[in-house]
Amino acid sequence: MTAPILQSRLPFAPWMDPRAARLPGVLPVEGDDWLRVDDAFAAQMAERGRLITERPEVVHGMLESARPAAEELYEVILRRLAKTPGYRIGAEEVCRLDKVTVKLDGSASLKTLGLLVQEDLCLMERPDGAGDEHVLTGAILCFPASWSLAEKLGRPLIGIHRPVPDYETEIARRVQRLFDAIRPEQPLWRMNSLVYRDPTLHQPRREDDPRIDRRGGSFVRAERQTLLRLPKTRAVLFAIHTYVVDIASLSPAERAGLEKARL
């Protein structure tokens, strides 16, 4: 059995912070902290490489209309990585901080980016027309937490969140207002968490499939979700940094709070 890919600690316990309690629970990103590197970097990146190579049709999808946004995101992230310690950006390749070299391919922008950063990267764009919701137009999604990219691609926000209970009411309106208000100079973040029995990172699931991964688990799976407006195309990047930790690594107060929250 393959050893699970775990972080040694959870940097933020959302069930312990009242700011994260009320959905959507967003906070401003401090400085340039919209991409992160942690102690699971090498193992997560190796798994991302395996999935992108072996299951590209599952972890990658893009509408043709998303190509300009994907190309802009490619440029934005390469500029960001040029300032990240441990990365070396060349004209044709990037050396990651784990010393793995990735060939640059702008024609496969999302797949290339998926080999460079720990975050899964989802592009949300608003079609022309007043009142329209943002739509998922492209993504590299190696570590889905019980959802399927193929099923959600091309759907608006409400359709993406189906069948989450109560999403189609006030939460849906608040989330759409949030997407409309995001400014390029001020990215936002939120963090969720659930208890899982299975620590596997790649857990796709279609809407009609039963959930068998929870209740009585010994791992916390958390997503730090970052929202960034791209200045040219105005697309919104929804970036997901996945943490999986053993519950035993939490502090006594965090474990007590987790039990009380009944995640």
C-alpha atoms as a PDB file:
ATOM      1  CA  MET A   1       0.000   0.000   0.000  1.00  0.00           C
ATOM      2  CA  THR A   2       1.348   3.430  -0.954  1.00  0.00           C
ATOM      3  CA  ALA A   3       2.124   5.708   1.977  1.00  0.00           C
ATOM      4  CA  PRO A   4      -0.260   8.677   2.218  1.00  0.00           C
ATOM      5  CA  ILE A   5       0.984  12.124   1.245  1.00  0.00           C
ATOM      6  CA  LEU A   6       0.538  14.246   4.357  1.00  0.00           C
ATOM      7  CA  GLN A   7       1.621  17.642   5.614  1.00  0.00           C
ATOM      8  CA  SER A   8       3.158  17.687   9.065  1.00  0.00           C
ATOM      9  CA  ARG A   9       0.742  20.340  10.281  1.00  0.00           C
ATOM     10  CA  LEU A  10      -2.302  22.365   9.293  1.00  0.00           C
ATOM     11  CA  PRO A  11      -1.398  26.071   9.032  1.00  0.00           C
ATOM     12  CA  PHE A  12      -4.923  27.259   9.792  1.00  0.00           C
ATOM     13  CA  ALA A  13      -7.806  25.461  11.503  1.00  0.00           C
ATOM     14  CA  PRO A  14     -10.938  27.076  10.049  1.00  0.00           C
ATOM     15  CA  TRP A  15     -13.261  25.467  12.601  1.00  0.00           C
ATOM     16  CA  MET A  16     -11.381  27.419  15.303  1.00  0.00           C
ATOM     17  CA  ASP A  17     -11.746  30.880  13.740  1.00  0.00           C
ATOM     18  CA  PRO A  18     -15.124  32.670  13.834  1.00  0.00           C
ATOM     19  CA  ARG A  19     -14.207  34.616  10.692  1.00  0.00           C
ATOM     20  CA  ALA A  20     -14.368  31.366   8.723  1.00  0.00           C
ATOM     21  CA  ALA A  21     -17.582  30.146  10.311  1.00  0.00           C
ATOM     22  CA  ARG A  22     -20.066  32.082   8.149  1.00  0.00           C
ATOM     23  CA  LEU A  23     -20.007  31.156   4.486  1.00  0.00           C
ATOM     24  CA  PRO A  24     -18.264  32.104   2.300  1.00  0.00           C
ATOM     25  CA  GLY A  25     -15.833  33.164   5.070  1.00  0.00           C
ATOM     26  CA  VAL A  26     -13.352  35.036   2.876  1.00  0.00           C
ATOM     27  CA  LEU A  27     -10.347  37.054   4.037  1.00  0.00           C
ATOM     28  CA  PRO A  28      -7.890  39.284   2.135  1.00  0.00           C
ATOM     29  CA  VAL A  29      -4.603  37.708   1.060  1.00  0.00           C
ATOM     30  CA  GLU A  30      -1.657  39.338   2.783  1.00  0.00           C
ATOM     31  CA  GLY A  31       1.038  40.459   0.355  1.00  0.00           C
ATOM     32  CA  ASP A  32       1.749  38.007  -2.465  1.00  0.00           C
ATOM     33  CA  ASP A  33       0.636  34.913  -0.541  1.00  0.00           C
ATOM     34  CA  TRP A  34      -1.793  33.488  -3.133  1.00  0.00           C
ATOM     35  CA  LEU A  35       0.469  30.537  -4.010  1.00  0.00           C
ATOM     36  CA  ARG A  36       2.135  28.445  -1.325  1.00  0.00           C
ATOM     37  CA  VAL A  37       4.855  25.847  -0.843  1.00  0.00           C
ATOM     38  CA  ASP A  38       4.794  23.447   2.118  1.00  0.00           C
ATOM     39  CA  ASP A  39       6.573  20.362   3.417  1.00  0.00           C
ATOM     40  CA  ALA A  40       4.565  18.021   1.155  1.00  0.00           C
ATOM     41  CA  PHE A  41       5.750  19.826  -1.991  1.00  0.00           C
ATOM     42  CA  ALA A  42       7.962  17.094  -3.484  1.00  0.00           C
ATOM     43  CA  ALA A  43       5.491  14.271  -2.832  1.00  0.00           C
ATOM     44  CA  GLN A  44       2.460  16.229  -4.036  1.00  0.00           C
ATOM     45  CA  MET A  45       4.271  17.378  -7.182  1.00  0.00           C
ATOM     46  CA  ALA A  46       5.340  13.810  -7.993  1.00  0.00           C
ATOM     47  CA  GLU A  47       1.701  12.718  -7.680  1.00  0.00           C
ATOM     48  CA  ARG A  48       0.562  15.626  -9.845  1.00  0.00           C
ATOM     49  CA  GLY A  49       3.085  14.612 -12.500  1.00  0.00           C
ATOM     50  CA  ARG A  50       1.842  11.025 -12.438  1.00  0.00           C
ATOM     51  CA  LEU A  51      -1.795  12.055 -12.801  1.00  0.00           C
ATOM     52  CA  ILE A  52      -1.159  14.569 -15.585  1.00  0.00           C
ATOM     53  CA  THR A  53       0.808  11.926 -17.486  1.00  0.00           C
ATOM     54  CA  GLU A  54      -1.469   8.941 -16.865  1.00  0.00           C
ATOM     55  CA  ARG A  55      -4.932  10.549 -16.593  1.00  0.00           C
ATOM     56  CA  PRO A  56      -4.868  13.827 -18.520  1.00  0.00           C
ATOM     57  CA  GLU A  57      -8.482  13.487 -19.618  1.00  0.00           C
ATOM     58  CA  VAL A  58      -9.577  13.319 -15.966  1.00  0.00           C
ATOM     59  CA  VAL A  59      -7.459  16.081 -14.419  1.00  0.00           C
ATOM     60  CA  HIS A  60      -7.516  18.633 -17.256  1.00  0.00           C
ATOM     61  CA  GLY A  61     -10.323  20.294 -19.154  1.00  0.00           C
ATOM     62  CA  MET A  62     -10.772  23.595 -20.957  1.00  0.00           C
ATOM     63  CA  LEU A  63     -13.339  25.266 -23.162  1.00  0.00           C
ATOM     64  CA  GLU A  64     -11.850  26.973 -26.225  1.00  0.00           C
ATOM     65  CA  SER A  65     -13.197  30.281 -24.941  1.00  0.00           C
ATOM     66  CA  ALA A  66     -10.886  30.000 -21.913  1.00  0.00           C
ATOM     67  CA  ARG A  67      -7.662  29.995 -23.926  1.00  0.00           C
ATOM     68  CA  PRO A  68      -6.927  33.744 -23.489  1.00  0.00           C
ATOM     69  CA  ALA A  69      -7.438  33.486 -19.723  1.00  0.00           C
ATOM     70  CA  ALA A  70      -5.286  30.353 -19.517  1.00  0.00           C
ATOM     71  CA  GLU A  71      -2.509  32.088 -21.431  1.00  0.00           C
ATOM     72  CA  GLU A  72      -2.710  35.119 -19.144  1.00  0.00           C
ATOM     73  CA  LEU A  73      -2.618  32.889 -16.064  1.00  0.00           C
ATOM     74  CA  TYR A  74       0.455  31.135 -17.488  1.00  0.00           C
ATOM     75  CA  GLU A  75       2.280  34.462 -17.719  1.00  0.00           C
ATOM     76  CA  VAL A  76       1.123  35.616 -14.282  1.00  0.00           C
ATOM     77  CA  ILE A  77       2.262  32.448 -12.503  1.00  0.00           C
ATOM     78  CA  LEU A  78       5.642  32.334 -14.249  1.00  0.00           C
ATOM     79  CA  ARG A  79       6.255  35.913 -13.102  1.00  0.00           C
ATOM     80  CA  ARG A  80       5.216  34.930  -9.592  1.00  0.00           C
ATOM     81  CA  LEU A  81       7.524  31.894  -9.567  1.00  0.00           C
ATOM     82  CA  ALA A  82      10.438  34.015 -10.728  1.00  0.00           C
ATOM     83  CA  LYS A  83      10.194  35.678  -7.305  1.00  0.00           C
ATOM     84  CA  THR A  84       9.758  32.407  -5.376  1.00  0.00           C
ATOM     85  CA  PRO A  85      12.892  31.083  -3.624  1.00  0.00           C
ATOM     86  CA  GLY A  86      14.083  27.782  -5.052  1.00  0.00           C
ATOM     87  CA  TYR A  87      12.607  28.174  -8.557  1.00  0.00           C
ATOM     88  CA  ARG A  88      14.821  28.902 -11.560  1.00  0.00           C
ATOM     89  CA  ILE A  89      12.936  30.172 -14.618  1.00  0.00           C
ATOM     90  CA  GLY A  90      14.612  29.703 -17.993  1.00  0.00           C
ATOM     91  CA  ALA A  91      13.533  30.448 -21.532  1.00  0.00           C
ATOM     92  CA  GLU A  92      12.457  26.861 -22.226  1.00  0.00           C
ATOM     93  CA  GLU A  93      12.236  25.153 -18.849  1.00  0.00           C
ATOM     94  CA  VAL A  94      11.738  25.687 -15.126  1.00  0.00           C
ATOM     95  CA  CYS A  95      13.708  24.028 -12.356  1.00  0.00           C
ATOM     96  CA  ARG A  96      11.401  23.575  -9.376  1.00  0.00           C
ATOM     97  CA  LEU A  97      12.651  23.868  -5.817  1.00  0.00           C
ATOM     98  CA  ASP A  98      12.724  20.045  -5.576  1.00  0.00           C
ATOM     99  CA  LYS A  99      15.259  20.116  -8.465  1.00  0.00           C
ATOM    100  CA  VAL A 100      12.808  18.617 -10.980  1.00  0.00           C
ATOM    101  CA  THR A 101      12.944  20.279 -14.407  1.00  0.00           C
ATOM    102  CA  VAL A 102       9.695  21.044 -16.246  1.00  0.00           C
ATOM    103  CA  LYS A 103       9.641  21.905 -19.956  1.00  0.00           C
ATOM    104  CA  LEU A 104       7.684  25.069 -20.666  1.00  0.00           C
ATOM    105  CA  ASP A 105       4.812  24.667 -23.124  1.00  0.00           C
ATOM    106  CA  GLY A 106       2.576  27.693 -23.537  1.00  0.00           C
ATOM    107  CA  SER A 107       0.287  25.753 -25.885  1.00  0.00           C
ATOM    108  CA  ALA A 108      -0.611  23.487 -22.934  1.00  0.00           C
ATOM    109  CA  SER A 109      -0.660  26.245 -20.357  1.00  0.00           C
ATOM    110  CA  LEU A 110      -2.803  24.681 -17.631  1.00  0.00           C
ATOM    111  CA  LYS A 111      -1.078  21.293 -17.820  1.00  0.00           C
ATOM    112  CA  THR A 112       2.322  22.991 -17.626  1.00  0.00           C
ATOM    113  CA  LEU A 113       1.256  25.061 -14.632  1.00  0.00           C
ATOM    114  CA  GLY A 114      -0.055  21.904 -12.996  1.00  0.00           C
ATOM    115  CA  LEU A 115       3.515  20.588 -13.024  1.00  0.00           C
ATOM    116  CA  LEU A 116       4.898  23.765 -11.446  1.00  0.00           C
ATOM    117  CA  VAL A 117       2.710  24.555  -8.424  1.00  0.00           C
ATOM    118  CA  GLN A 118       0.938  22.602  -5.687  1.00  0.00           C
ATOM    119  CA  GLU A 119      -2.355  24.391  -6.282  1.00  0.00           C
ATOM    120  CA  ASP A 120      -5.100  23.101  -8.529  1.00  0.00           C
ATOM    121  CA  LEU A 121      -6.103  25.939 -10.849  1.00  0.00           C
ATOM    122  CA  CYS A 122      -9.687  26.637 -11.943  1.00  0.00           C
ATOM    123  CA  LEU A 123     -10.691  29.476 -14.277  1.00  0.00           C
ATOM    124  CA  MET A 124     -14.048  31.144 -13.692  1.00  0.00           C
ATOM    125  CA  GLU A 125     -15.376  33.566 -16.321  1.00  0.00           C
ATOM    126  CA  ARG A 126     -18.570  35.586 -16.539  1.00  0.00           C
ATOM    127  CA  PRO A 127     -20.309  35.487 -19.915  1.00  0.00           C
ATOM    128  CA  ASP A 128     -21.623  38.670 -21.466  1.00  0.00           C
ATOM    129  CA  GLY A 129     -25.011  39.655 -20.155  1.00  0.00           C
ATOM    130  CA  ALA A 130     -26.242  41.167 -16.934  1.00  0.00           C
ATOM    131  CA  GLY A 131     -27.073  38.697 -14.183  1.00  0.00           C
ATOM    132  CA  ASP A 132     -25.064  35.824 -15.633  1.00  0.00           C
ATOM    133  CA  GLU A 133     -23.062  33.729 -13.177  1.00  0.00           C
ATOM    134  CA  HIS A 134     -19.390  32.951 -13.443  1.00  0.00           C
ATOM    135  CA  VAL A 135     -18.795  29.704 -15.326  1.00  0.00           C
ATOM    136  CA  LEU A 136     -16.028  27.121 -14.895  1.00  0.00           C
ATOM    137  CA  THR A 137     -14.246  27.364 -18.263  1.00  0.00           C
ATOM    138  CA  GLY A 138     -10.991  25.525 -17.620  1.00  0.00           C
ATOM    139  CA  ALA A 139      -8.984  23.741 -14.930  1.00  0.00           C
ATOM    140  CA  ILE A 140      -6.105  21.545 -13.977  1.00  0.00           C
ATOM    141  CA  LEU A 141      -7.610  19.566 -11.100  1.00  0.00           C
ATOM    142  CA  CYS A 142      -5.383  16.780  -9.780  1.00  0.00           C
ATOM    143  CA  PHE A 143      -6.736  16.622  -6.238  1.00  0.00           C
ATOM    144  CA  PRO A 144     -10.547  16.878  -6.403  1.00  0.00           C
ATOM    145  CA  ALA A 145     -12.348  16.409  -3.085  1.00  0.00           C
ATOM    146  CA  SER A 146     -15.351  14.372  -4.221  1.00  0.00           C
ATOM    147  CA  TRP A 147     -16.229  16.142  -7.476  1.00  0.00           C
ATOM    148  CA  SER A 148     -15.604  15.555 -11.159  1.00  0.00           C
ATOM    149  CA  LEU A 149     -14.089  18.152 -13.496  1.00  0.00           C
ATOM    150  CA  ALA A 150     -15.673  16.578 -16.571  1.00  0.00           C
ATOM    151  CA  GLU A 151     -19.099  16.873 -14.928  1.00  0.00           C
ATOM    152  CA  LYS A 152     -18.665  20.481 -13.757  1.00  0.00           C
ATOM    153  CA  LEU A 153     -16.827  22.037 -16.733  1.00  0.00           C
ATOM    154  CA  GLY A 154     -18.978  24.663 -18.434  1.00  0.00           C
ATOM    155  CA  ARG A 155     -21.378  24.967 -15.507  1.00  0.00           C
ATOM    156  CA  PRO A 156     -22.165  28.184 -13.622  1.00  0.00           C
ATOM    157  CA  LEU A 157     -21.567  28.533  -9.881  1.00  0.00           C
ATOM    158  CA  ILE A 158     -24.923  27.090  -8.831  1.00  0.00           C
ATOM    159  CA  GLY A 159     -24.462  24.105 -11.145  1.00  0.00           C
ATOM    160  CA  ILE A 160     -20.932  23.496  -9.860  1.00  0.00           C
ATOM    161  CA  HIS A 161     -22.120  23.337  -6.262  1.00  0.00           C
ATOM    162  CA  ARG A 162     -25.050  21.020  -6.913  1.00  0.00           C
ATOM    163  CA  PRO A 163     -26.014  19.052  -4.833  1.00  0.00           C
ATOM    164  CA  VAL A 164     -24.679  21.078  -1.853  1.00  0.00           C
ATOM    165  CA  PRO A 165     -27.697  21.674   0.451  1.00  0.00           C
ATOM    166  CA  ASP A 166     -28.969  25.269   0.624  1.00  0.00           C
ATOM    167  CA  TYR A 167     -26.388  26.593  -1.858  1.00  0.00           C
ATOM    168  CA  GLU A 168     -29.006  27.852  -4.297  1.00  0.00           C
ATOM    169  CA  THR A 169     -30.396  30.401  -1.825  1.00  0.00           C
ATOM    170  CA  GLU A 170     -28.628  33.259  -0.068  1.00  0.00           C
ATOM    171  CA  ILE A 171     -25.161  31.649  -0.192  1.00  0.00           C
ATOM    172  CA  ALA A 172     -25.306  31.534  -3.995  1.00  0.00           C
ATOM    173  CA  ARG A 173     -26.112  35.231  -4.170  1.00  0.00           C
ATOM    174  CA  ARG A 174     -23.338  36.127  -1.727  1.00  0.00           C
ATOM    175  CA  VAL A 175     -20.773  34.076  -3.650  1.00  0.00           C
ATOM    176  CA  GLN A 176     -21.708  35.657  -6.989  1.00  0.00           C
ATOM    177  CA  ARG A 177     -21.475  39.144  -5.493  1.00  0.00           C
ATOM    178  CA  LEU A 178     -18.077  38.177  -4.138  1.00  0.00           C
ATOM    179  CA  PHE A 179     -16.850  37.038  -7.573  1.00  0.00           C
ATOM    180  CA  ASP A 180     -18.099  40.262  -9.139  1.00  0.00           C
ATOM    181  CA  ALA A 181     -16.286  42.399  -6.560  1.00  0.00           C
ATOM    182  CA  ILE A 182     -12.816  40.795  -6.683  1.00  0.00           C
ATOM    183  CA  ARG A 183     -10.119  43.297  -7.666  1.00  0.00           C
ATOM    184  CA  PRO A 184      -6.812  42.309  -9.348  1.00  0.00           C
ATOM    185  CA  GLU A 185      -4.800  44.074  -6.674  1.00  0.00           C
ATOM    186  CA  GLN A 186      -6.539  42.306  -3.767  1.00  0.00           C
ATOM    187  CA  PRO A 187      -6.845  38.499  -3.949  1.00  0.00           C
ATOM    188  CA  LEU A 188      -8.981  36.765  -1.348  1.00  0.00           C
ATOM    189  CA  TRP A 189      -8.810  33.415   0.422  1.00  0.00           C
ATOM    190  CA  ARG A 190     -10.922  31.062   2.467  1.00  0.00           C
ATOM    191  CA  MET A 191     -10.336  27.621   3.945  1.00  0.00           C
ATOM    192  CA  ASN A 192     -12.606  24.645   4.456  1.00  0.00           C
ATOM    193  CA  SER A 193     -12.052  21.340   6.227  1.00  0.00           C
ATOM    194  CA  LEU A 194     -13.640  17.902   6.481  1.00  0.00           C
ATOM    195  CA  VAL A 195     -12.766  14.656   8.210  1.00  0.00           C
ATOM    196  CA  TYR A 196     -11.881  11.819   5.823  1.00  0.00           C
ATOM    197  CA  ARG A 197     -11.150   8.148   6.294  1.00  0.00           C
ATOM    198  CA  ASP A 198      -9.131   7.979   3.059  1.00  0.00           C
ATOM    199  CA  PRO A 199      -6.136  10.378   2.814  1.00  0.00           C
ATOM    200  CA  THR A 200      -5.778   9.873  -0.961  1.00  0.00           C
ATOM    201  CA  LEU A 201      -5.410  13.243  -2.698  1.00  0.00           C
ATOM    202  CA  HIS A 202      -7.086  12.296  -6.001  1.00  0.00           C
ATOM    203  CA  GLN A 203     -10.710  11.580  -5.081  1.00  0.00           C
ATOM    204  CA  PRO A 204     -13.016  12.369  -8.028  1.00  0.00           C
ATOM    205  CA  ARG A 205     -16.700  11.582  -7.569  1.00  0.00           C
ATOM    206  CA  ARG A 206     -19.740  12.181  -9.724  1.00  0.00           C
ATOM    207  CA  GLU A 207     -22.829  13.808  -8.220  1.00  0.00           C
ATOM    208  CA  ASP A 208     -24.940  10.648  -8.224  1.00  0.00           C
ATOM    209  CA  ASP A 209     -22.252   8.435  -6.660  1.00  0.00           C
ATOM    210  CA  PRO A 210     -22.670   7.721  -2.929  1.00  0.00           C
ATOM    211  CA  ARG A 211     -20.214   9.234  -0.441  1.00  0.00           C
ATOM    212  CA  ILE A 212     -18.247   6.509   1.348  1.00  0.00           C
ATOM    213  CA  ASP A 213     -15.144   8.497   2.329  1.00  0.00           C
ATOM    214  CA  ARG A 214     -16.264  10.103   5.585  1.00  0.00           C
ATOM    215  CA  ARG A 215     -17.491   9.473   9.134  1.00  0.00           C
ATOM    216  CA  GLY A 216     -15.083   8.091  11.685  1.00  0.00           C
ATOM    217  CA  GLY A 217     -12.003   9.142   9.750  1.00  0.00           C
ATOM    218  CA  SER A 218      -8.605   9.943  11.219  1.00  0.00           C
ATOM    219  CA  PHE A 219      -7.489  12.570   8.686  1.00  0.00           C
ATOM    220  CA  VAL A 220      -8.408  16.209   8.192  1.00  0.00           C
ATOM    221  CA  ARG A 221      -8.549  17.336   4.585  1.00  0.00           C
ATOM    222  CA  ALA A 222      -8.493  21.112   4.179  1.00  0.00           C
ATOM    223  CA  GLU A 223      -8.437  23.359   1.121  1.00  0.00           C
ATOM    224  CA  ARG A 224      -6.988  26.855   1.107  1.00  0.00           C
ATOM    225  CA  GLN A 225      -8.969  28.403  -1.730  1.00  0.00           C
ATOM    226  CA  THR A 226      -7.598  31.609  -3.260  1.00  0.00           C
ATOM    227  CA  LEU A 227      -9.497  33.961  -5.576  1.00  0.00           C
ATOM    228  CA  LEU A 228      -7.458  36.173  -7.906  1.00  0.00           C
ATOM    229  CA  ARG A 229      -8.761  38.452 -10.670  1.00  0.00           C
ATOM    230  CA  LEU A 230      -6.648  38.387 -13.842  1.00  0.00           C
ATOM    231  CA  PRO A 231      -6.284  42.021 -14.985  1.00  0.00           C
ATOM    232  CA  LYS A 232      -6.490  41.564 -18.770  1.00  0.00           C
ATOM    233  CA  THR A 233      -9.143  38.924 -19.376  1.00  0.00           C
ATOM    234  CA  ARG A 234     -10.932  39.641 -16.060  1.00  0.00           C
ATOM    235  CA  ALA A 235     -11.222  35.914 -15.422  1.00  0.00           C
ATOM    236  CA  VAL A 236     -11.120  34.789 -11.792  1.00  0.00           C
ATOM    237  CA  LEU A 237      -8.578  32.198 -10.752  1.00  0.00           C
ATOM    238  CA  PHE A 238      -9.919  29.796  -8.136  1.00  0.00           C
ATOM    239  CA  ALA A 239      -6.757  28.137  -6.793  1.00  0.00           C
ATOM    240  CA  ILE A 240      -6.945  25.194  -4.376  1.00  0.00           C
ATOM    241  CA  HIS A 241      -4.055  24.234  -2.108  1.00  0.00           C
ATOM    242  CA  THR A 242      -4.864  20.858  -0.524  1.00  0.00           C
ATOM    243  CA  TYR A 243      -3.706  19.874   2.939  1.00  0.00           C
ATOM    244  CA  VAL A 244      -4.161  16.405   4.444  1.00  0.00           C
ATOM    245  CA  VAL A 245      -3.002  15.892   8.014  1.00  0.00           C
ATOM    246  CA  ASP A 246      -3.359  13.174  10.617  1.00  0.00           C
ATOM    247  CA  ILE A 247      -5.767  14.286  13.322  1.00  0.00           C
ATOM    248  CA  ALA A 248      -3.083  13.288  15.826  1.00  0.00           C
ATOM    249  CA  SER A 249      -0.944  16.178  14.545  1.00  0.00           C
ATOM    250  CA  LEU A 250      -3.513  18.745  15.741  1.00  0.00           C
ATOM    251  CA  SER A 251      -3.194  20.475  19.080  1.00  0.00           C
ATOM    252  CA  PRO A 252      -5.451  19.308  21.946  1.00  0.00           C
ATOM    253  CA  ALA A 253      -7.554  22.473  21.532  1.00  0.00           C
ATOM    254  CA  GLU A 254      -7.896  21.901  17.771  1.00  0.00           C
ATOM    255  CA  ARG A 255      -8.932  18.270  18.300  1.00  0.00           C
ATOM    256  CA  ALA A 256     -11.520  19.311  20.851  1.00  0.00           C
ATOM    257  CA  GLY A 257     -12.822  22.004  18.490  1.00  0.00           C
ATOM    258  CA  LEU A 258     -12.947  19.520  15.624  1.00  0.00           C
ATOM    259  CA  GLU A 259     -15.024  17.098  17.672  1.00  0.00           C
ATOM    260  CA  LYS A 260     -17.373  19.903  18.660  1.00  0.00           C
ATOM    261  CA  ALA A 261     -17.712  21.065  15.034  1.00  0.00           C
ATOM    262  CA  ARG A 262     -18.570  17.502  13.926  1.00  0.00           C
ATOM    263  CA  LEU A 263     -17.045  17.944  10.489  1.00  0.00           C
END
